[in-house]
Amino acid sequence: MKKIVTLMLAVMVLIPTYALAQQESPINSFEDIVGLLTKAIQWMYTIFFIVAVGYILLAAYYFLTSGGDKIKVGEAKKKLLYAVIAIAVALVASGVSSIVASVLSQ
């Protein structure tokens, strides 16, 4: 069963990647490179936010399974705080990149 699930996940990841790899013409201008980098950054932000949500869910799991132990509750609070700080930093970084892009395009 594990092999089937692993194979299904691999197919789900690789098929869209293969489809995105198909290009009609090679990259031949600066705008194409900027567009490619922009898409790569957008993918990185998406992956980052998915990981951050997973980390928040992990912190929630630690809260639920702590059993009232103050040390475990403290660890869960730290994990939640770090996840929220990471999301805030990512949002600020995306805002700064948008501001810099608009200033440079003028």
Protein backbone atom coordinates (compact mmCIF):
# COMPACT_ATOMS: atom_id res chain seq x y z
CA MET A 1 0.00 0.00 0.00
CA LYS A 2 2.88 2.35 0.82
CA LYS A 3 4.38 1.79 -2.62
CA ILE A 4 1.08 2.62 -4.34
CA VAL A 5 0.63 5.82 -2.34
CA THR A 6 4.23 6.82 -2.99
CA LEU A 7 3.84 6.16 -6.70
CA MET A 8 0.60 8.15 -6.84
CA LEU A 9 2.22 11.11 -5.06
CA ALA A 10 5.21 10.98 -7.38
CA VAL A 11 2.96 10.97 -10.43
CA MET A 12 0.92 13.87 -9.01
CA VAL A 13 4.10 15.91 -8.56
CA LEU A 14 5.96 14.94 -11.74
CA ILE A 15 3.21 15.23 -14.35
CA PRO A 16 2.49 18.95 -13.74
CA THR A 17 6.23 19.59 -13.58
CA TYR A 18 6.71 17.88 -16.93
CA ALA A 19 3.83 19.85 -18.44
CA LEU A 20 5.33 23.13 -17.22
CA ALA A 21 8.71 22.18 -18.68
CA GLN A 22 7.34 22.16 -22.23
CA GLN A 23 8.23 25.40 -23.98
CA GLU A 24 7.56 26.50 -27.51
CA SER A 25 10.63 28.68 -27.83
CA PRO A 26 13.82 29.16 -25.81
CA ILE A 27 14.26 32.09 -23.45
CA ASN A 28 15.61 34.89 -25.57
CA SER A 29 14.92 38.15 -23.82
CA PHE A 30 15.31 39.87 -20.50
CA GLU A 31 11.53 39.97 -19.99
CA ASP A 32 11.35 36.18 -20.37
CA ILE A 33 14.02 35.73 -17.70
CA VAL A 34 12.28 38.15 -15.34
CA GLY A 35 8.98 36.36 -15.92
CA LEU A 36 10.60 33.00 -15.23
CA LEU A 37 12.17 34.29 -12.02
CA THR A 38 8.85 35.80 -10.94
CA LYS A 39 7.09 32.47 -11.42
CA ALA A 40 9.84 30.67 -9.50
CA ILE A 41 9.51 33.12 -6.61
CA GLN A 42 5.73 32.70 -6.61
CA TRP A 43 6.17 28.92 -6.42
CA MET A 44 8.63 29.33 -3.55
CA TYR A 45 6.16 31.53 -1.64
CA THR A 46 3.40 28.99 -2.19
CA ILE A 47 5.57 26.15 -0.94
CA PHE A 48 6.70 28.27 2.00
CA PHE A 49 3.14 29.03 3.07
CA ILE A 50 2.14 25.37 2.78
CA VAL A 51 5.06 24.43 5.03
CA ALA A 52 4.13 27.23 7.47
CA VAL A 53 0.55 25.98 7.69
CA GLY A 54 1.89 22.48 8.31
CA TYR A 55 4.06 23.86 11.10
CA ILE A 56 1.03 25.58 12.64
CA LEU A 57 -0.87 22.30 12.50
CA LEU A 58 2.11 20.58 14.14
CA ALA A 59 2.05 23.17 16.94
CA ALA A 60 -1.68 22.53 17.37
CA TYR A 61 -0.97 18.81 17.61
CA TYR A 62 1.61 19.49 20.31
CA PHE A 63 -0.94 21.60 22.19
CA LEU A 64 -3.51 18.82 22.03
CA THR A 65 -1.14 16.05 23.05
CA SER A 66 0.67 17.97 25.80
CA GLY A 67 -1.71 16.70 28.49
CA GLY A 68 -1.33 19.91 30.47
CA ASP A 69 2.45 19.59 30.78
CA LYS A 70 3.74 23.16 30.99
CA ILE A 71 7.00 22.37 29.19
CA LYS A 72 5.24 20.80 26.21
CA VAL A 73 2.70 23.65 26.09
CA GLY A 74 5.61 26.11 26.11
CA GLU A 75 7.26 24.29 23.21
CA ALA A 76 4.01 24.34 21.26
CA LYS A 77 3.64 28.09 21.88
CA LYS A 78 7.19 28.63 20.61
CA LYS A 79 6.47 26.65 17.45
CA LEU A 80 3.31 28.64 16.82
CA LEU A 81 5.10 31.93 17.43
CA TYR A 82 7.92 30.99 15.05
CA ALA A 83 5.43 30.01 12.35
CA VAL A 84 3.56 33.31 12.67
CA ILE A 85 6.81 35.29 12.58
CA ALA A 86 7.94 33.37 9.48
CA ILE A 87 4.65 34.14 7.71
CA ALA A 88 4.93 37.82 8.63
CA VAL A 89 8.51 38.00 7.32
CA ALA A 90 7.47 36.32 4.07
CA LEU A 91 4.59 38.76 3.59
CA VAL A 92 6.88 41.73 4.24
CA ALA A 93 9.47 40.30 1.83
CA SER A 94 6.89 39.91 -0.93
CA GLY A 95 5.69 43.46 -0.33
CA VAL A 96 9.21 44.85 -0.47
CA SER A 97 9.92 43.00 -3.71
CA SER A 98 6.75 44.46 -5.23
CA ILE A 99 7.74 47.97 -4.17
CA VAL A 100 11.26 47.57 -5.56
CA ALA A 101 9.89 46.19 -8.83
CA SER A 102 7.52 49.13 -9.23
CA VAL A 103 10.28 51.65 -8.49
CA LEU A 104 12.65 50.02 -10.97
CA SER A 105 10.04 49.89 -13.71
CA GLN A 106 9.51 53.66 -13.62
